[in-house]
Amino acid sequence: MELRHLRYFITVAEELSFSKAAVKLHTAQPSLSQQIKDLEDDIGVQLFYRTKRKVELTEEGLVFLEQARLTLTQADKAITMARQVAAAKVQCLRIGFLPSAEIRIFPYIFPRLRVKTPKLQINTLNLKESDQIAELKKGDLDIIFINQDFQNEYFASQLVLKEPLIFILPKQHPLVEFNALNIEQLNGLELTILSHKLSQPLAQTILKYRDQHQIKFKSVHETNTIAECIQAVQSGLSCAILPSYMQALATDQIAVRPLNHPLPSLDVFMSFHRTSPSQAAEQFLEEIRQVFELEQLALYAS
């Protein structure tokens, strides 16, 4: 028994005429009569009394009609709810990010998206890189922004921008009197950086720069939060190397100084699903490629 059998039965029961029901259902009367007979054979009871002059429901047919209507109503409700969920998914974009994306990327993309797709719901999560990748793999995020080129057969990656690094030190430090610092002046200083656990590419980039230029810091401390890193500088205990966007978080207790050997930049990549991207994700990718003049990648397999 299929739902169409119930619809045929209900229409005949309401019209009490096979010919009128056939017209309403846009089908041939013999075909409709056969469908009703198949239904009766399937459930093992007679649903209609049929004569040449009239069609009437049997007692069993009356009971079956009530339940058939409830079944179709519930089926229609299930279909509507499933479609609503699917529509909600299309209109929801889930993005994981590191703070650089929040400052350097989102302000240029989100206003454009909200104008073009005002019903789009954008959910953002500030997560460390390893957590972002895990959520992307699980399908709980559509797009992530991280400092590493994460891609494989399932996920694509595209470089969006390069975030410069800056050297900061306490405002009262003697080196602040210099407009720019030589590498040798960093020897013997305490350095604070963000933990490998928070951003491995950032920590590796800083330590590689230290080794390349043979800087002999007194020690290198790692902190688990941006606030702890900046606090270490503000308190006068340390200097730090951070992404340049963090300069906006600095207070009058902190100074920024360039180095004679410029600090490297930190790559900011976006990673996303190669196949079956949501409509919202497609819209976001299109906007970011236009704003940041990125190439359109040939990514999506059928």
C-alpha atoms as a PDB file:
ATOM      1  CA  MET A   1       0.000   0.000   0.000  1.00  0.00           C
ATOM      2  CA  GLU A   2       1.296   3.440  -0.965  1.00  0.00           C
ATOM      3  CA  LEU A   3       0.211   6.970  -0.114  1.00  0.00           C
ATOM      4  CA  ARG A   4      -1.307   7.357  -3.578  1.00  0.00           C
ATOM      5  CA  HIS A   5      -3.695   4.516  -2.765  1.00  0.00           C
ATOM      6  CA  LEU A   6      -4.910   6.459   0.244  1.00  0.00           C
ATOM      7  CA  ARG A   7      -5.389   9.606  -1.820  1.00  0.00           C
ATOM      8  CA  TYR A   8      -7.375   7.673  -4.426  1.00  0.00           C
ATOM      9  CA  PHE A   9      -9.517   6.062  -1.712  1.00  0.00           C
ATOM     10  CA  ILE A  10     -10.243   9.372   0.045  1.00  0.00           C
ATOM     11  CA  THR A  11     -11.238  11.058  -3.216  1.00  0.00           C
ATOM     12  CA  VAL A  12     -13.642   8.238  -4.131  1.00  0.00           C
ATOM     13  CA  ALA A  13     -15.050   8.292  -0.582  1.00  0.00           C
ATOM     14  CA  GLU A  14     -15.638  12.050  -0.783  1.00  0.00           C
ATOM     15  CA  GLU A  15     -17.182  11.959  -4.257  1.00  0.00           C
ATOM     16  CA  LEU A  16     -18.959   8.604  -3.849  1.00  0.00           C
ATOM     17  CA  SER A  17     -18.449   8.281  -7.579  1.00  0.00           C
ATOM     18  CA  PHE A  18     -15.620   6.603  -9.437  1.00  0.00           C
ATOM     19  CA  SER A  19     -16.206   8.687 -12.553  1.00  0.00           C
ATOM     20  CA  LYS A  20     -16.147  12.030 -10.679  1.00  0.00           C
ATOM     21  CA  ALA A  21     -13.146  10.939  -8.624  1.00  0.00           C
ATOM     22  CA  ALA A  22     -11.286   9.898 -11.790  1.00  0.00           C
ATOM     23  CA  VAL A  23     -11.830  13.354 -13.289  1.00  0.00           C
ATOM     24  CA  LYS A  24     -10.632  15.024 -10.089  1.00  0.00           C
ATOM     25  CA  LEU A  25      -7.547  12.803  -9.944  1.00  0.00           C
ATOM     26  CA  HIS A  26      -6.792  13.218 -13.650  1.00  0.00           C
ATOM     27  CA  THR A  27      -6.789   9.490 -14.244  1.00  0.00           C
ATOM     28  CA  ALA A  28      -8.866   6.953 -16.138  1.00  0.00           C
ATOM     29  CA  GLN A  29     -11.844   5.391 -14.349  1.00  0.00           C
ATOM     30  CA  PRO A  30     -10.775   1.779 -15.034  1.00  0.00           C
ATOM     31  CA  SER A  31      -7.346   2.507 -13.624  1.00  0.00           C
ATOM     32  CA  LEU A  32      -8.872   4.110 -10.524  1.00  0.00           C
ATOM     33  CA  SER A  33     -11.208   1.150 -10.002  1.00  0.00           C
ATOM     34  CA  GLN A  34      -8.240  -1.203 -10.213  1.00  0.00           C
ATOM     35  CA  GLN A  35      -6.257   0.869  -7.690  1.00  0.00           C
ATOM     36  CA  ILE A  36      -9.132   0.685  -5.185  1.00  0.00           C
ATOM     37  CA  LYS A  37      -9.488  -3.057  -5.757  1.00  0.00           C
ATOM     38  CA  ASP A  38      -5.733  -3.485  -5.173  1.00  0.00           C
ATOM     39  CA  LEU A  39      -6.078  -1.527  -1.926  1.00  0.00           C
ATOM     40  CA  GLU A  40      -8.960  -3.698  -0.741  1.00  0.00           C
ATOM     41  CA  ASP A  41      -7.045  -6.855  -1.610  1.00  0.00           C
ATOM     42  CA  ASP A  42      -3.987  -5.522   0.215  1.00  0.00           C
ATOM     43  CA  ILE A  43      -5.799  -4.801   3.498  1.00  0.00           C
ATOM     44  CA  GLY A  44      -8.214  -7.714   3.152  1.00  0.00           C
ATOM     45  CA  VAL A  45     -11.536  -5.895   3.597  1.00  0.00           C
ATOM     46  CA  GLN A  46     -14.191  -4.388   1.332  1.00  0.00           C
ATOM     47  CA  LEU A  47     -14.220  -0.609   1.522  1.00  0.00           C
ATOM     48  CA  PHE A  48     -17.093   0.220  -0.825  1.00  0.00           C
ATOM     49  CA  TYR A  49     -20.489  -1.154  -1.783  1.00  0.00           C
ATOM     50  CA  ARG A  50     -20.730  -0.778  -5.559  1.00  0.00           C
ATOM     51  CA  THR A  51     -23.898  -0.864  -7.645  1.00  0.00           C
ATOM     52  CA  LYS A  52     -24.692   0.548 -11.056  1.00  0.00           C
ATOM     53  CA  ARG A  53     -26.482   3.472  -9.422  1.00  0.00           C
ATOM     54  CA  LYS A  54     -24.352   4.372  -6.421  1.00  0.00           C
ATOM     55  CA  VAL A  55     -21.188   3.869  -4.408  1.00  0.00           C
ATOM     56  CA  GLU A  56     -21.295   3.690  -0.606  1.00  0.00           C
ATOM     57  CA  LEU A  57     -18.684   3.184   2.079  1.00  0.00           C
ATOM     58  CA  THR A  58     -18.837  -0.007   4.096  1.00  0.00           C
ATOM     59  CA  GLU A  59     -18.547   0.154   7.866  1.00  0.00           C
ATOM     60  CA  GLU A  60     -14.897  -0.857   7.469  1.00  0.00           C
ATOM     61  CA  GLY A  61     -14.522   1.838   4.844  1.00  0.00           C
ATOM     62  CA  LEU A  62     -15.785   4.529   7.224  1.00  0.00           C
ATOM     63  CA  VAL A  63     -13.197   3.578   9.830  1.00  0.00           C
ATOM     64  CA  PHE A  64     -10.460   3.351   7.229  1.00  0.00           C
ATOM     65  CA  LEU A  65     -11.392   6.795   5.833  1.00  0.00           C
ATOM     66  CA  GLU A  66     -10.864   8.486   9.190  1.00  0.00           C
ATOM     67  CA  GLN A  67      -7.435   6.902   9.656  1.00  0.00           C
ATOM     68  CA  ALA A  68      -6.439   7.441   6.034  1.00  0.00           C
ATOM     69  CA  ARG A  69      -7.072  11.166   6.404  1.00  0.00           C
ATOM     70  CA  LEU A  70      -4.963  11.273   9.570  1.00  0.00           C
ATOM     71  CA  THR A  71      -2.172   9.360   7.833  1.00  0.00           C
ATOM     72  CA  LEU A  72      -2.087  11.735   4.844  1.00  0.00           C
ATOM     73  CA  THR A  73      -2.181  14.774   7.125  1.00  0.00           C
ATOM     74  CA  GLN A  74       0.779  13.427   9.086  1.00  0.00           C
ATOM     75  CA  ALA A  75       2.647  12.549   5.883  1.00  0.00           C
ATOM     76  CA  ASP A  76       2.113  16.056   4.506  1.00  0.00           C
ATOM     77  CA  LYS A  77       3.323  17.517   7.804  1.00  0.00           C
ATOM     78  CA  ALA A  78       6.437  15.343   7.679  1.00  0.00           C
ATOM     79  CA  ILE A  79       7.182  16.501   4.134  1.00  0.00           C
ATOM     80  CA  THR A  80       6.705  20.154   5.077  1.00  0.00           C
ATOM     81  CA  MET A  81       8.970  19.854   8.113  1.00  0.00           C
ATOM     82  CA  ALA A  82      11.685  18.089   6.113  1.00  0.00           C
ATOM     83  CA  ARG A  83      11.580  20.813   3.480  1.00  0.00           C
ATOM     84  CA  GLN A  84      11.756  23.517   6.158  1.00  0.00           C
ATOM     85  CA  VAL A  85      14.857  21.898   7.646  1.00  0.00           C
ATOM     86  CA  ALA A  86      16.450  21.658   4.199  1.00  0.00           C
ATOM     87  CA  ALA A  87      15.629  25.308   3.502  1.00  0.00           C
ATOM     88  CA  ALA A  88      17.075  26.352   6.851  1.00  0.00           C
ATOM     89  CA  LYS A  89      20.321  24.547   6.044  1.00  0.00           C
ATOM     90  CA  VAL A  90      20.578  26.341   2.726  1.00  0.00           C
ATOM     91  CA  GLN A  91      20.145  29.672   4.489  1.00  0.00           C
ATOM     92  CA  CYS A  92      22.630  28.973   7.298  1.00  0.00           C
ATOM     93  CA  LEU A  93      26.381  29.497   6.977  1.00  0.00           C
ATOM     94  CA  ARG A  94      28.705  28.113   9.677  1.00  0.00           C
ATOM     95  CA  ILE A  95      32.195  29.624   9.792  1.00  0.00           C
ATOM     96  CA  GLY A  96      35.158  28.883  12.038  1.00  0.00           C
ATOM     97  CA  PHE A  97      37.822  31.549  12.358  1.00  0.00           C
ATOM     98  CA  LEU A  98      40.910  32.925  13.997  1.00  0.00           C
ATOM     99  CA  PRO A  99      40.811  36.598  15.054  1.00  0.00           C
ATOM    100  CA  SER A 100      42.653  37.860  11.949  1.00  0.00           C
ATOM    101  CA  ALA A 101      39.698  36.820   9.775  1.00  0.00           C
ATOM    102  CA  GLU A 102      37.279  38.622  12.085  1.00  0.00           C
ATOM    103  CA  ILE A 103      39.220  41.852  11.633  1.00  0.00           C
ATOM    104  CA  ARG A 104      40.687  41.599   8.130  1.00  0.00           C
ATOM    105  CA  ILE A 105      38.019  39.667   6.223  1.00  0.00           C
ATOM    106  CA  PHE A 106      34.533  39.558   7.742  1.00  0.00           C
ATOM    107  CA  PRO A 107      33.876  43.346   7.787  1.00  0.00           C
ATOM    108  CA  TYR A 108      34.316  43.392   4.003  1.00  0.00           C
ATOM    109  CA  ILE A 109      32.206  40.298   3.259  1.00  0.00           C
ATOM    110  CA  PHE A 110      29.319  40.098   5.728  1.00  0.00           C
ATOM    111  CA  PRO A 111      27.697  43.462   4.804  1.00  0.00           C
ATOM    112  CA  ARG A 112      27.662  42.442   1.140  1.00  0.00           C
ATOM    113  CA  LEU A 113      26.088  39.081   1.980  1.00  0.00           C
ATOM    114  CA  ARG A 114      23.424  40.644   4.173  1.00  0.00           C
ATOM    115  CA  VAL A 115      22.382  42.999   1.377  1.00  0.00           C
ATOM    116  CA  LYS A 116      22.204  40.228  -1.224  1.00  0.00           C
ATOM    117  CA  THR A 117      20.780  37.492   1.045  1.00  0.00           C
ATOM    118  CA  PRO A 118      19.029  39.215   3.976  1.00  0.00           C
ATOM    119  CA  LYS A 119      17.580  35.928   5.268  1.00  0.00           C
ATOM    120  CA  LEU A 120      20.980  34.270   5.497  1.00  0.00           C
ATOM    121  CA  GLN A 121      21.917  33.253   9.035  1.00  0.00           C
ATOM    122  CA  ILE A 122      25.670  33.436   9.678  1.00  0.00           C
ATOM    123  CA  ASN A 123      27.051  31.541  12.671  1.00  0.00           C
ATOM    124  CA  THR A 124      30.716  32.144  13.531  1.00  0.00           C
ATOM    125  CA  LEU A 125      32.914  30.280  15.997  1.00  0.00           C
ATOM    126  CA  ASN A 126      36.284  31.533  17.243  1.00  0.00           C
ATOM    127  CA  LEU A 127      38.221  28.266  17.618  1.00  0.00           C
ATOM    128  CA  LYS A 128      41.831  27.186  17.627  1.00  0.00           C
ATOM    129  CA  GLU A 129      43.011  25.641  14.387  1.00  0.00           C
ATOM    130  CA  SER A 130      42.868  21.998  15.407  1.00  0.00           C
ATOM    131  CA  ASP A 131      39.268  22.402  16.605  1.00  0.00           C
ATOM    132  CA  GLN A 132      38.266  24.174  13.401  1.00  0.00           C
ATOM    133  CA  ILE A 133      39.663  21.356  11.271  1.00  0.00           C
ATOM    134  CA  ALA A 134      37.895  18.756  13.418  1.00  0.00           C
ATOM    135  CA  GLU A 135      34.556  20.580  13.083  1.00  0.00           C
ATOM    136  CA  LEU A 136      35.026  20.955   9.322  1.00  0.00           C
ATOM    137  CA  LYS A 137      35.678  17.224   8.973  1.00  0.00           C
ATOM    138  CA  LYS A 138      32.539  16.416  10.971  1.00  0.00           C
ATOM    139  CA  GLY A 139      30.459  18.667   8.747  1.00  0.00           C
ATOM    140  CA  ASP A 140      29.614  21.064  11.582  1.00  0.00           C
ATOM    141  CA  LEU A 141      31.386  23.956   9.824  1.00  0.00           C
ATOM    142  CA  ASP A 142      31.102  25.015   6.176  1.00  0.00           C
ATOM    143  CA  ILE A 143      34.229  27.183   5.958  1.00  0.00           C
ATOM    144  CA  ILE A 144      37.193  27.758   8.255  1.00  0.00           C
ATOM    145  CA  PHE A 145      39.947  30.386   8.405  1.00  0.00           C
ATOM    146  CA  ILE A 146      43.297  29.138   9.641  1.00  0.00           C
ATOM    147  CA  ASN A 147      47.026  29.769   9.231  1.00  0.00           C
ATOM    148  CA  GLN A 148      47.820  26.523   7.447  1.00  0.00           C
ATOM    149  CA  ASP A 149      47.132  25.126   4.005  1.00  0.00           C
ATOM    150  CA  PHE A 150      44.702  22.357   4.959  1.00  0.00           C
ATOM    151  CA  GLN A 151      43.513  20.427   1.926  1.00  0.00           C
ATOM    152  CA  ASN A 152      43.013  16.865   0.736  1.00  0.00           C
ATOM    153  CA  GLU A 153      40.645  14.974  -1.545  1.00  0.00           C
ATOM    154  CA  TYR A 154      37.666  16.125   0.527  1.00  0.00           C
ATOM    155  CA  PHE A 155      38.626  19.712   1.407  1.00  0.00           C
ATOM    156  CA  ALA A 156      40.022  22.594  -0.627  1.00  0.00           C
ATOM    157  CA  SER A 157      42.194  25.450   0.594  1.00  0.00           C
ATOM    158  CA  GLN A 158      42.783  28.940  -0.772  1.00  0.00           C
ATOM    159  CA  LEU A 159      45.138  31.676   0.398  1.00  0.00           C
ATOM    160  CA  VAL A 160      43.152  34.824   1.219  1.00  0.00           C
ATOM    161  CA  LEU A 161      45.733  37.240   2.629  1.00  0.00           C
ATOM    162  CA  LYS A 162      49.075  37.580   4.375  1.00  0.00           C
ATOM    163  CA  GLU A 163      48.992  38.952   7.921  1.00  0.00           C
ATOM    164  CA  PRO A 164      52.173  40.890   8.859  1.00  0.00           C
ATOM    165  CA  LEU A 165      53.792  40.210  12.217  1.00  0.00           C
ATOM    166  CA  ILE A 166      54.826  43.006  14.583  1.00  0.00           C
ATOM    167  CA  PHE A 167      57.307  43.318  17.441  1.00  0.00           C
ATOM    168  CA  ILE A 168      55.859  44.869  20.610  1.00  0.00           C
ATOM    169  CA  LEU A 169      57.531  45.799  23.879  1.00  0.00           C
ATOM    170  CA  PRO A 170      56.681  47.655  27.100  1.00  0.00           C
ATOM    171  CA  LYS A 171      56.276  51.418  26.652  1.00  0.00           C
ATOM    172  CA  GLN A 172      58.838  52.031  29.390  1.00  0.00           C
ATOM    173  CA  HIS A 173      61.481  49.731  27.886  1.00  0.00           C
ATOM    174  CA  PRO A 174      64.787  51.470  27.038  1.00  0.00           C
ATOM    175  CA  LEU A 175      64.608  50.242  23.426  1.00  0.00           C
ATOM    176  CA  VAL A 176      61.473  52.316  22.821  1.00  0.00           C
ATOM    177  CA  GLU A 177      63.691  55.382  22.265  1.00  0.00           C
ATOM    178  CA  PHE A 178      64.772  53.825  18.954  1.00  0.00           C
ATOM    179  CA  ASN A 179      62.501  54.301  15.938  1.00  0.00           C
ATOM    180  CA  ALA A 180      63.644  50.941  14.564  1.00  0.00           C
ATOM    181  CA  LEU A 181      65.553  48.074  16.145  1.00  0.00           C
ATOM    182  CA  ASN A 182      68.500  46.037  14.979  1.00  0.00           C
ATOM    183  CA  ILE A 183      68.298  42.291  15.365  1.00  0.00           C
ATOM    184  CA  GLU A 184      71.255  42.371  17.784  1.00  0.00           C
ATOM    185  CA  GLN A 185      69.268  44.559  20.188  1.00  0.00           C
ATOM    186  CA  LEU A 186      66.846  41.671  20.761  1.00  0.00           C
ATOM    187  CA  ASN A 187      69.512  39.454  22.311  1.00  0.00           C
ATOM    188  CA  GLY A 188      68.873  38.848  25.994  1.00  0.00           C
ATOM    189  CA  LEU A 189      65.207  39.906  25.879  1.00  0.00           C
ATOM    190  CA  GLU A 190      62.359  37.804  27.202  1.00  0.00           C
ATOM    191  CA  LEU A 191      59.965  36.824  24.374  1.00  0.00           C
ATOM    192  CA  THR A 192      56.334  35.783  24.733  1.00  0.00           C
ATOM    193  CA  ILE A 193      54.463  34.080  21.908  1.00  0.00           C
ATOM    194  CA  LEU A 194      51.135  32.348  21.491  1.00  0.00           C
ATOM    195  CA  SER A 195      51.177  28.636  22.228  1.00  0.00           C
ATOM    196  CA  HIS A 196      51.738  26.001  19.538  1.00  0.00           C
ATOM    197  CA  LYS A 197      48.396  24.564  20.690  1.00  0.00           C
ATOM    198  CA  LEU A 198      46.623  27.795  19.792  1.00  0.00           C
ATOM    199  CA  SER A 199      48.368  28.366  16.446  1.00  0.00           C
ATOM    200  CA  GLN A 200      51.178  26.065  15.442  1.00  0.00           C
ATOM    201  CA  PRO A 201      51.943  27.940  12.176  1.00  0.00           C
ATOM    202  CA  LEU A 202      52.333  31.229  14.079  1.00  0.00           C
ATOM    203  CA  ALA A 203      54.685  29.754  16.682  1.00  0.00           C
ATOM    204  CA  GLN A 204      56.710  27.945  14.030  1.00  0.00           C
ATOM    205  CA  THR A 205      57.021  31.103  11.898  1.00  0.00           C
ATOM    206  CA  ILE A 206      58.339  33.129  14.843  1.00  0.00           C
ATOM    207  CA  LEU A 207      60.825  30.493  15.973  1.00  0.00           C
ATOM    208  CA  LYS A 208      62.042  29.993  12.399  1.00  0.00           C
ATOM    209  CA  TYR A 209      62.687  33.739  12.156  1.00  0.00           C
ATOM    210  CA  ARG A 210      64.597  33.617  15.469  1.00  0.00           C
ATOM    211  CA  ASP A 211      66.775  30.748  14.253  1.00  0.00           C
ATOM    212  CA  GLN A 212      67.408  32.255  10.804  1.00  0.00           C
ATOM    213  CA  HIS A 213      68.679  35.490  12.329  1.00  0.00           C
ATOM    214  CA  GLN A 214      70.394  33.788  15.290  1.00  0.00           C
ATOM    215  CA  ILE A 215      68.539  35.881  17.854  1.00  0.00           C
ATOM    216  CA  LYS A 216      69.485  34.869  21.381  1.00  0.00           C
ATOM    217  CA  PHE A 217      66.417  35.622  23.465  1.00  0.00           C
ATOM    218  CA  LYS A 218      66.907  35.052  27.178  1.00  0.00           C
ATOM    219  CA  SER A 219      63.855  32.781  27.071  1.00  0.00           C
ATOM    220  CA  VAL A 220      60.708  32.165  25.031  1.00  0.00           C
ATOM    221  CA  HIS A 221      57.429  31.788  26.920  1.00  0.00           C
ATOM    222  CA  GLU A 222      54.201  30.481  25.425  1.00  0.00           C
ATOM    223  CA  THR A 223      50.744  31.639  26.517  1.00  0.00           C
ATOM    224  CA  ASN A 224      47.397  30.043  25.763  1.00  0.00           C
ATOM    225  CA  THR A 225      45.484  33.289  25.181  1.00  0.00           C
ATOM    226  CA  ILE A 226      46.039  36.593  23.419  1.00  0.00           C
ATOM    227  CA  ALA A 227      45.144  38.436  26.613  1.00  0.00           C
ATOM    228  CA  GLU A 228      47.910  36.652  28.561  1.00  0.00           C
ATOM    229  CA  CYS A 229      50.437  37.483  25.869  1.00  0.00           C
ATOM    230  CA  ILE A 230      49.589  41.183  25.856  1.00  0.00           C
ATOM    231  CA  GLN A 231      49.449  41.265  29.658  1.00  0.00           C
ATOM    232  CA  ALA A 232      53.007  39.934  29.799  1.00  0.00           C
ATOM    233  CA  VAL A 233      54.145  42.912  27.711  1.00  0.00           C
ATOM    234  CA  GLN A 234      52.026  45.484  29.544  1.00  0.00           C
ATOM    235  CA  SER A 235      53.440  44.352  32.876  1.00  0.00           C
ATOM    236  CA  GLY A 236      56.978  44.987  31.638  1.00  0.00           C
ATOM    237  CA  LEU A 237      58.019  41.329  31.881  1.00  0.00           C
ATOM    238  CA  SER A 238      58.486  40.590  28.215  1.00  0.00           C
ATOM    239  CA  CYS A 239      58.373  41.622  24.582  1.00  0.00           C
ATOM    240  CA  ALA A 240      56.272  39.740  22.021  1.00  0.00           C
ATOM    241  CA  ILE A 241      55.829  38.986  18.337  1.00  0.00           C
ATOM    242  CA  LEU A 242      52.186  38.931  17.284  1.00  0.00           C
ATOM    243  CA  PRO A 243      50.022  39.291  14.167  1.00  0.00           C
ATOM    244  CA  SER A 244      49.595  42.959  13.327  1.00  0.00           C
ATOM    245  CA  TYR A 245      45.832  42.987  13.880  1.00  0.00           C
ATOM    246  CA  MET A 246      46.551  42.622  17.607  1.00  0.00           C
ATOM    247  CA  GLN A 247      47.982  46.135  17.587  1.00  0.00           C
ATOM    248  CA  ALA A 248      44.369  47.285  17.903  1.00  0.00           C
ATOM    249  CA  LEU A 249      44.266  45.587  21.310  1.00  0.00           C
ATOM    250  CA  ALA A 250      47.352  47.387  22.548  1.00  0.00           C
ATOM    251  CA  THR A 251      47.149  50.036  25.267  1.00  0.00           C
ATOM    252  CA  ASP A 252      49.305  53.060  26.026  1.00  0.00           C
ATOM    253  CA  GLN A 253      51.543  50.668  27.957  1.00  0.00           C
ATOM    254  CA  ILE A 254      52.741  49.021  24.748  1.00  0.00           C
ATOM    255  CA  ALA A 255      54.944  50.210  21.890  1.00  0.00           C
ATOM    256  CA  VAL A 256      55.439  48.760  18.408  1.00  0.00           C
ATOM    257  CA  ARG A 257      58.821  48.930  16.730  1.00  0.00           C
ATOM    258  CA  PRO A 258      59.942  47.728  13.279  1.00  0.00           C
ATOM    259  CA  LEU A 259      63.052  45.557  12.919  1.00  0.00           C
ATOM    260  CA  ASN A 260      65.867  46.080  10.442  1.00  0.00           C
ATOM    261  CA  HIS A 261      65.150  42.575   9.173  1.00  0.00           C
ATOM    262  CA  PRO A 262      61.366  42.734   8.576  1.00  0.00           C
ATOM    263  CA  LEU A 263      59.317  40.121  10.314  1.00  0.00           C
ATOM    264  CA  PRO A 264      57.591  37.564   8.059  1.00  0.00           C
ATOM    265  CA  SER A 265      53.885  37.461   7.294  1.00  0.00           C
ATOM    266  CA  LEU A 266      51.446  34.811   8.400  1.00  0.00           C
ATOM    267  CA  ASP A 267      49.318  33.195   5.700  1.00  0.00           C
ATOM    268  CA  VAL A 268      45.564  33.180   6.246  1.00  0.00           C
ATOM    269  CA  PHE A 269      43.837  30.353   4.367  1.00  0.00           C
ATOM    270  CA  MET A 270      40.196  29.452   4.027  1.00  0.00           C
ATOM    271  CA  SER A 271      39.367  25.763   3.791  1.00  0.00           C
ATOM    272  CA  PHE A 272      36.024  24.311   2.745  1.00  0.00           C
ATOM    273  CA  HIS A 273      34.321  21.210   1.353  1.00  0.00           C
ATOM    274  CA  ARG A 274      35.298  20.312  -2.202  1.00  0.00           C
ATOM    275  CA  THR A 275      31.973  18.657  -3.037  1.00  0.00           C
ATOM    276  CA  SER A 276      28.331  19.528  -2.441  1.00  0.00           C
ATOM    277  CA  PRO A 277      28.858  22.993  -0.899  1.00  0.00           C
ATOM    278  CA  SER A 278      25.702  24.624   0.420  1.00  0.00           C
ATOM    279  CA  GLN A 279      24.155  27.507  -1.461  1.00  0.00           C
ATOM    280  CA  ALA A 280      25.167  29.841   1.382  1.00  0.00           C
ATOM    281  CA  ALA A 281      28.787  28.634   1.229  1.00  0.00           C
ATOM    282  CA  GLU A 282      28.851  29.167  -2.538  1.00  0.00           C
ATOM    283  CA  GLN A 283      27.609  32.729  -2.055  1.00  0.00           C
ATOM    284  CA  PHE A 284      30.243  33.440   0.589  1.00  0.00           C
ATOM    285  CA  LEU A 285      33.059  32.044  -1.552  1.00  0.00           C
ATOM    286  CA  GLU A 286      31.926  34.124  -4.513  1.00  0.00           C
ATOM    287  CA  GLU A 287      31.911  37.314  -2.441  1.00  0.00           C
ATOM    288  CA  ILE A 288      35.314  36.735  -0.866  1.00  0.00           C
ATOM    289  CA  ARG A 289      36.882  35.949  -4.243  1.00  0.00           C
ATOM    290  CA  GLN A 290      35.544  39.181  -5.677  1.00  0.00           C
ATOM    291  CA  VAL A 291      36.599  41.370  -2.758  1.00  0.00           C
ATOM    292  CA  PHE A 292      40.078  39.852  -2.358  1.00  0.00           C
ATOM    293  CA  GLU A 293      40.531  39.197  -6.095  1.00  0.00           C
ATOM    294  CA  LEU A 294      41.068  35.476  -5.682  1.00  0.00           C
ATOM    295  CA  GLU A 295      41.044  32.969  -8.502  1.00  0.00           C
ATOM    296  CA  GLN A 296      38.016  30.757  -9.023  1.00  0.00           C
ATOM    297  CA  LEU A 297      39.193  27.222  -8.271  1.00  0.00           C
ATOM    298  CA  ALA A 298      37.916  24.245 -10.249  1.00  0.00           C
ATOM    299  CA  LEU A 299      36.988  22.177  -7.229  1.00  0.00           C
ATOM    300  CA  TYR A 300      33.660  20.510  -7.241  1.00  0.00           C
ATOM    301  CA  ALA A 301      33.246  16.951  -8.302  1.00  0.00           C
ATOM    302  CA  SER A 302      29.837  15.633  -9.207  1.00  0.00           C
END
